[in-house]
Protein backbone atom coordinates (compact mmCIF):
# COMPACT_ATOMS: atom_id res chain seq x y z
CA MET A 1 -17.58 -20.92 -10.97
CA GLU A 2 -14.91 -22.14 -7.83
CA LYS A 3 -11.92 -20.74 -9.60
CA LYS A 4 -13.36 -17.03 -10.12
CA LYS A 5 -13.02 -17.08 -6.58
CA PHE A 6 -9.60 -16.98 -6.67
CA VAL A 7 -8.99 -14.05 -9.04
CA GLY A 8 -9.62 -11.32 -6.70
CA PRO A 9 -7.69 -13.07 -3.90
CA ILE A 10 -4.45 -13.74 -6.26
CA LEU A 11 -4.72 -9.74 -7.59
CA ILE A 12 -4.43 -8.06 -3.96
CA ILE A 13 -1.99 -10.31 -3.43
CA THR A 14 -0.21 -9.44 -7.15
CA ALA A 15 -0.84 -6.27 -5.70
CA GLY A 16 1.20 -6.71 -2.00
CA VAL A 17 3.94 -9.09 -3.47
CA LEU A 18 4.53 -5.73 -6.19
CA TRP A 19 4.19 -3.28 -3.04
CA GLY A 20 6.91 -5.39 -1.64
CA LEU A 21 9.76 -4.60 -3.92
CA MET A 22 9.71 -1.25 -3.22
CA GLY A 23 13.07 -1.26 -1.46
CA LEU A 24 14.95 -2.48 -4.92
CA PHE A 25 14.28 1.13 -6.04
CA VAL A 26 13.79 3.66 -2.97
CA ARG A 27 17.50 1.84 -2.58
CA ASN A 28 19.19 2.25 -6.34
CA LEU A 29 17.37 6.16 -6.16
CA ASP A 30 17.99 7.34 -2.16
CA LYS A 31 22.35 6.49 -3.82
CA TYR A 32 21.49 9.69 -5.88
CA GLY A 33 20.47 11.95 -2.17
CA ILE A 34 17.17 11.77 -3.61
CA THR A 35 14.48 12.06 -0.93
CA SER A 36 12.07 10.31 0.41
CA MET A 37 9.26 12.63 -0.03
CA GLN A 38 11.04 13.08 -3.74
CA ILE A 39 10.37 9.72 -4.12
CA VAL A 40 6.91 10.29 -3.85
CA ALA A 41 6.82 12.99 -5.98
CA LEU A 42 8.52 11.22 -9.31
CA ARG A 43 6.38 8.18 -8.31
CA ALA A 44 3.13 9.98 -8.10
CA VAL A 45 4.43 12.33 -11.20
CA PHE A 46 5.33 9.02 -13.37
CA THR A 47 2.61 6.98 -12.38
CA ALA A 48 0.03 9.99 -13.60
CA ILE A 49 1.84 10.08 -16.69
CA MET A 50 1.77 6.73 -17.39
CA MET A 51 -2.20 6.05 -16.56
CA THR A 52 -2.68 9.10 -18.73
CA ALA A 53 -0.83 7.54 -21.96
CA VAL A 54 -2.82 3.91 -20.57
CA THR A 55 -5.96 5.51 -20.22
CA LEU A 56 -5.77 7.12 -24.11
CA VAL A 57 -4.62 3.92 -25.15
CA TYR A 58 -7.39 1.51 -23.91
CA ASP A 59 -10.78 4.61 -23.84
CA ARG A 60 -10.79 8.33 -23.55
CA LYS A 61 -14.06 7.32 -21.64
CA LEU A 62 -12.67 6.18 -18.37
CA PHE A 63 -11.35 10.39 -18.22
CA LYS A 64 -14.93 11.10 -17.11
CA ILE A 65 -15.42 12.02 -13.81
CA LYS A 66 -18.58 13.77 -11.95
CA LEU A 67 -17.66 16.20 -10.55
CA ARG A 68 -19.65 15.56 -6.82
CA ASP A 69 -17.66 12.59 -7.51
CA CYS A 70 -13.71 14.66 -7.04
CA TRP A 71 -14.07 13.31 -3.13
CA CYS A 72 -13.59 9.52 -3.94
CA PHE A 73 -10.13 10.75 -6.19
CA PHE A 74 -9.48 13.46 -2.91
CA GLY A 75 -9.34 10.78 -0.81
CA THR A 76 -7.28 7.89 -2.20
CA GLY A 77 -4.87 10.59 -3.69
CA ILE A 78 -4.64 12.85 -1.11
CA CYS A 79 -5.65 11.25 1.76
CA SER A 80 -4.63 8.13 1.72
CA ILE A 81 -1.28 8.80 -0.68
CA VAL A 82 0.43 11.87 0.61
CA PHE A 83 -0.56 11.73 4.03
CA PHE A 84 0.56 7.83 4.72
CA ASN A 85 3.85 8.77 3.08
CA PHE A 86 4.42 11.86 4.71
CA CYS A 87 3.47 9.94 8.65
CA TYR A 88 4.87 7.15 7.48
CA PHE A 89 8.01 8.86 6.49
CA ARG A 90 8.03 10.83 9.68
CA THR A 91 7.76 7.82 11.89
CA ILE A 92 10.86 6.77 10.44
CA THR A 93 12.48 9.55 11.63
CA LEU A 94 10.36 9.13 15.09
CA THR A 95 11.27 5.38 15.96
CA SER A 96 12.88 2.23 14.33
CA LEU A 97 12.25 0.71 10.51
CA SER A 98 10.28 -2.09 13.13
CA ALA A 99 8.70 -0.14 14.76
CA ALA A 100 7.19 1.98 12.10
CA ALA A 101 6.29 -0.69 9.88
CA VAL A 102 4.65 -2.63 13.01
CA LEU A 103 2.20 0.34 13.43
CA LEU A 104 2.19 0.79 9.62
CA TYR A 105 0.47 -2.57 9.84
CA THR A 106 -2.52 -2.08 12.06
CA ALA A 107 -4.12 -1.32 8.76
CA PRO A 108 -6.02 -4.12 8.40
CA ILE A 109 -7.87 -3.57 11.35
CA MET A 110 -8.85 0.18 11.16
CA VAL A 111 -10.19 -1.22 7.47
CA MET A 112 -12.06 -3.64 9.30
CA ILE A 113 -13.51 -1.30 11.84
CA MET A 114 -14.81 1.02 8.65
CA SER A 115 -15.48 -1.04 6.46
CA LEU A 116 -18.46 -1.89 9.37
CA PHE A 117 -20.30 1.24 9.88
CA LEU A 118 -19.48 2.39 6.21
CA PHE A 119 -19.88 -0.80 4.20
CA LYS A 120 -21.48 -3.01 6.71
CA GLU A 121 -19.54 -5.99 6.24
CA LYS A 122 -19.24 -8.47 8.66
CA LEU A 123 -16.61 -8.78 11.24
CA THR A 124 -15.98 -12.08 11.40
CA ALA A 125 -14.11 -14.14 14.43
CA ARG A 126 -12.20 -15.30 11.41
CA LYS A 127 -11.26 -11.76 10.26
CA ILE A 128 -9.64 -11.23 13.55
CA ILE A 129 -8.31 -13.73 14.16
CA ALA A 130 -6.07 -14.05 10.60
CA ALA A 131 -5.99 -10.02 10.58
CA ALA A 132 -3.97 -10.48 14.46
CA VAL A 133 -2.07 -13.09 12.73
CA ALA A 134 -1.01 -11.50 10.42
CA PHE A 135 0.24 -8.78 12.41
CA VAL A 136 2.36 -10.80 14.54
CA GLY A 137 3.71 -12.17 11.84
CA CYS A 138 4.86 -8.76 11.34
CA ALA A 139 5.80 -7.88 13.99
CA MET A 140 8.26 -10.94 13.91
CA VAL A 141 9.13 -10.25 9.89
CA THR A 142 10.61 -6.98 10.51
CA GLY A 143 12.54 -7.81 13.97
CA ALA A 144 10.26 -6.25 16.17
CA ALA A 145 9.46 -8.92 17.46
CA ASP A 146 12.29 -8.81 19.99
CA GLY A 147 11.12 -6.21 23.01
CA SER A 148 13.50 -4.07 21.71
CA LEU A 149 11.02 -1.35 20.26
CA ALA A 150 12.51 2.51 20.30
CA LEU A 151 8.46 3.92 20.38
CA ASN A 152 8.15 7.60 21.12
CA ALA A 153 4.22 9.60 21.44
CA ILE A 154 5.01 11.71 18.73
CA GLY A 155 6.34 8.51 17.18
CA VAL A 156 3.32 6.15 18.21
CA LEU A 157 0.92 8.98 16.33
CA THR A 158 2.16 9.20 13.25
CA GLY A 159 2.37 5.34 12.40
CA LEU A 160 -0.57 5.69 13.83
CA GLY A 161 -1.86 8.39 11.33
CA SER A 162 0.54 5.99 8.64
CA ALA A 163 -1.71 3.36 9.08
CA PHE A 164 -4.92 5.16 9.02
CA GLY A 165 -3.61 6.72 5.63
CA TYR A 166 -2.86 3.44 4.24
CA ALA A 167 -6.68 2.23 5.31
CA LEU A 168 -7.81 4.73 3.37
CA TYR A 169 -7.01 4.19 -0.43
CA THR A 170 -8.64 0.74 -0.24
CA ILE A 171 -11.57 2.83 1.74
CA PHE A 172 -11.89 5.36 -0.99
CA GLY A 173 -10.57 2.78 -3.52
CA GLU A 174 -14.45 1.33 -2.74
CA TYR A 175 -16.55 4.21 -2.74
CA ALA A 176 -15.14 4.64 -6.22
CA LEU A 177 -16.21 1.07 -7.64
CA LYS A 178 -19.55 1.65 -5.51
CA ARG A 179 -19.60 4.90 -8.06
CA GLY A 180 -18.93 2.09 -11.37
CA TYR A 181 -15.95 3.79 -11.77
CA ASN A 182 -12.76 1.48 -13.66
CA SER A 183 -9.23 0.46 -11.54
CA ILE A 184 -7.98 2.30 -14.96
CA THR A 185 -10.16 5.89 -13.35
CA ILE A 186 -9.71 5.38 -9.71
CA THR A 187 -6.27 4.66 -10.06
CA LEU A 188 -5.06 7.53 -12.83
CA TYR A 189 -7.14 10.17 -10.60
CA THR A 190 -5.77 8.67 -7.88
CA PHE A 191 -2.06 9.84 -8.56
CA VAL A 192 -3.02 12.76 -10.04
CA PHE A 193 -4.18 14.63 -6.89
CA ALA A 194 -1.29 13.44 -5.03
CA ALA A 195 1.28 14.67 -7.34
CA VAL A 196 -0.83 17.79 -6.90
CA GLY A 197 -0.38 17.89 -3.36
CA VAL A 198 2.69 16.56 -2.76
CA LEU A 199 4.75 18.37 -5.26
CA PRO A 200 4.84 21.34 -2.63
CA LEU A 201 6.68 18.65 -0.52
CA ALA A 202 9.44 17.67 -3.07
CA ASP A 203 12.14 20.52 -2.64
CA LEU A 204 11.36 21.06 -6.97
CA PRO A 205 14.64 22.57 -7.40
CA ASP A 206 16.94 20.40 -5.42
CA LEU A 207 15.09 17.94 -7.16
CA THR A 208 15.72 18.83 -10.78
CA GLU A 209 19.79 20.13 -9.65
CA LYS A 210 20.18 16.56 -8.91
CA ILE A 211 18.17 14.79 -12.48
CA SER A 212 20.16 17.17 -14.02
CA VAL A 213 23.13 15.53 -12.55
CA ASN A 214 22.29 12.12 -12.83
CA PRO A 215 19.82 11.73 -15.72
CA GLN A 216 19.50 7.97 -14.76
CA ILE A 217 17.19 9.64 -11.97
CA ILE A 218 14.34 9.48 -14.63
CA GLY A 219 14.86 6.28 -15.54
CA TRP A 220 14.04 4.57 -12.25
CA GLY A 221 11.28 6.87 -11.27
CA ALA A 222 9.63 5.63 -14.67
CA VAL A 223 10.77 1.77 -13.01
CA LEU A 224 9.33 2.75 -9.67
CA ALA A 225 6.34 3.99 -11.01
CA LEU A 226 5.28 1.32 -13.23
CA VAL A 227 6.69 -2.23 -10.77
CA VAL A 228 5.46 -0.95 -7.97
CA THR A 229 3.02 1.74 -8.09
CA VAL A 230 0.63 1.40 -11.65
CA LEU A 231 0.70 -2.12 -11.58
CA PRO A 232 -0.23 -3.16 -7.86
CA TYR A 233 -3.02 -0.52 -7.68
CA LEU A 234 -5.09 -0.53 -10.99
CA VAL A 235 -4.65 -5.00 -10.07
CA TYR A 236 -5.59 -3.88 -5.90
CA THR A 237 -8.32 -1.65 -7.26
CA LEU A 238 -9.32 -3.89 -9.43
CA GLY A 239 -9.47 -6.98 -7.13
CA LEU A 240 -11.91 -4.32 -4.35
CA ARG A 241 -14.94 -5.67 -6.91
CA THR A 242 -14.82 -9.18 -5.45
CA VAL A 243 -12.59 -8.97 -2.63
CA GLU A 244 -14.03 -7.56 1.00
CA ALA A 245 -12.03 -4.71 2.01
CA GLY A 246 -11.58 -6.11 4.92
CA LYS A 247 -10.14 -9.21 3.98
CA ALA A 248 -7.86 -7.38 1.17
CA SER A 249 -5.98 -5.25 3.44
CA VAL A 250 -5.21 -8.92 5.14
CA MET A 251 -4.09 -9.93 2.69
CA ALA A 252 -1.88 -7.42 1.66
CA THR A 253 0.33 -8.14 4.65
CA ILE A 254 2.32 -10.17 2.43
CA GLU A 255 4.32 -6.72 1.11
CA PRO A 256 6.70 -7.16 4.28
CA VAL A 257 6.67 -10.72 4.37
CA VAL A 258 8.79 -9.80 0.73
CA ALA A 259 10.00 -6.99 0.73
CA THR A 260 12.04 -8.59 3.59
CA LEU A 261 13.01 -11.59 1.31
CA VAL A 262 14.09 -9.37 -1.19
CA GLY A 263 16.35 -8.27 1.40
CA VAL A 264 17.95 -11.61 2.10
CA ILE A 265 18.02 -12.54 -1.57
CA VAL A 266 19.17 -8.71 -3.52
CA PHE A 267 21.02 -7.63 -0.24
CA ASP A 268 22.13 -10.23 2.04
CA GLU A 269 20.99 -9.28 4.81
CA SER A 270 19.74 -11.68 7.56
CA LEU A 271 16.58 -13.55 8.23
CA SER A 272 16.10 -14.33 11.94
CA ALA A 273 14.47 -17.98 12.38
CA LEU A 274 11.71 -15.82 14.50
CA GLY A 275 11.09 -13.86 10.63
CA ILE A 276 10.39 -17.19 9.46
CA ILE A 277 8.57 -18.42 11.69
CA GLY A 278 6.24 -14.56 11.07
CA ILE A 279 6.34 -15.51 7.35
CA ILE A 280 4.54 -18.88 8.06
CA PHE A 281 1.88 -16.75 10.55
CA VAL A 282 1.47 -14.30 7.11
CA ALA A 283 0.30 -16.65 5.26
CA VAL A 284 -1.55 -18.70 7.44
CA SER A 285 -3.67 -15.95 7.72
CA LEU A 286 -3.79 -15.74 4.19
CA ALA A 287 -5.04 -19.54 3.83
CA MET A 288 -7.97 -18.33 6.54
CA LEU A 289 -8.93 -16.05 4.62
CA ASN A 290 -9.32 -17.62 1.86
CA ILE A 291 -10.93 -21.02 3.79
CA LYS A 292 -14.52 -21.73 2.08
CA THR A 293 -16.90 -22.26 5.99
CA GLU A 294 -20.49 -23.45 5.65
CA LYS A 295 -21.37 -21.09 8.29
CA GLU A 296 -20.07 -17.53 9.82
CA ASN A 297 -20.98 -15.81 12.45
CA SER A 298 -19.92 -11.74 12.62
CA ILE A 299 -19.38 -10.22 15.56
């Protein structure tokens, strides 16, 4: 029983690690001139195709959803995946990468507040402190803690919008789980809805032309879908069965740490002393959320 309580956190952290590998694939697709929204489209379409195949092999009954529950998948697919990516990429054009990242990782606080009202989860001092420590750690890791953030009003709004969209996957995913849907079903319909929502934004004629010139784009798109979408979304949604939404959103902040380490190891990017301290901060926040206490007071 003691071992089982760690399964959920391990699944959530594993998802964060896999999401942190995104840069490996995005940078390779970028070499072929694929735009940000085209990458999102490739990711969504290939994920929908793969999840359809998984469902066909695993259990065809998982295709079944109730019409009245479609709002859950509209939420995870359109409101979260599409809206989050649109806002995040817009923020990157309006501010610095570090500013966009820091604004994005206000998401755990949003999840905690929404979960307090929607799911009656306790807002404990430990959760708040862990979220704050993780946020500061992310700021250090991304280099945003040096006081040189490039910010403007619209950039801040779109940045907070990206955080809100990012947070909505956890919220709508939790609703879908409470309605008895399997993590496979949730992931499948999330990306079916996301594909429908993002394709009009992806300039399909241009994308088709790029693929005809460089067919290897299809291979990169498929691997992108498998490694940083299908697997992490499946395990994250599965982890939500036993981990509170608020805690899960903080645990996922391991993502920028992994992304930074990938940059250092694979792309020879530098890591400052402040970045190393930031990694330690994120690790401390994860430990805080998994330490068992006899009594915990809610705020």
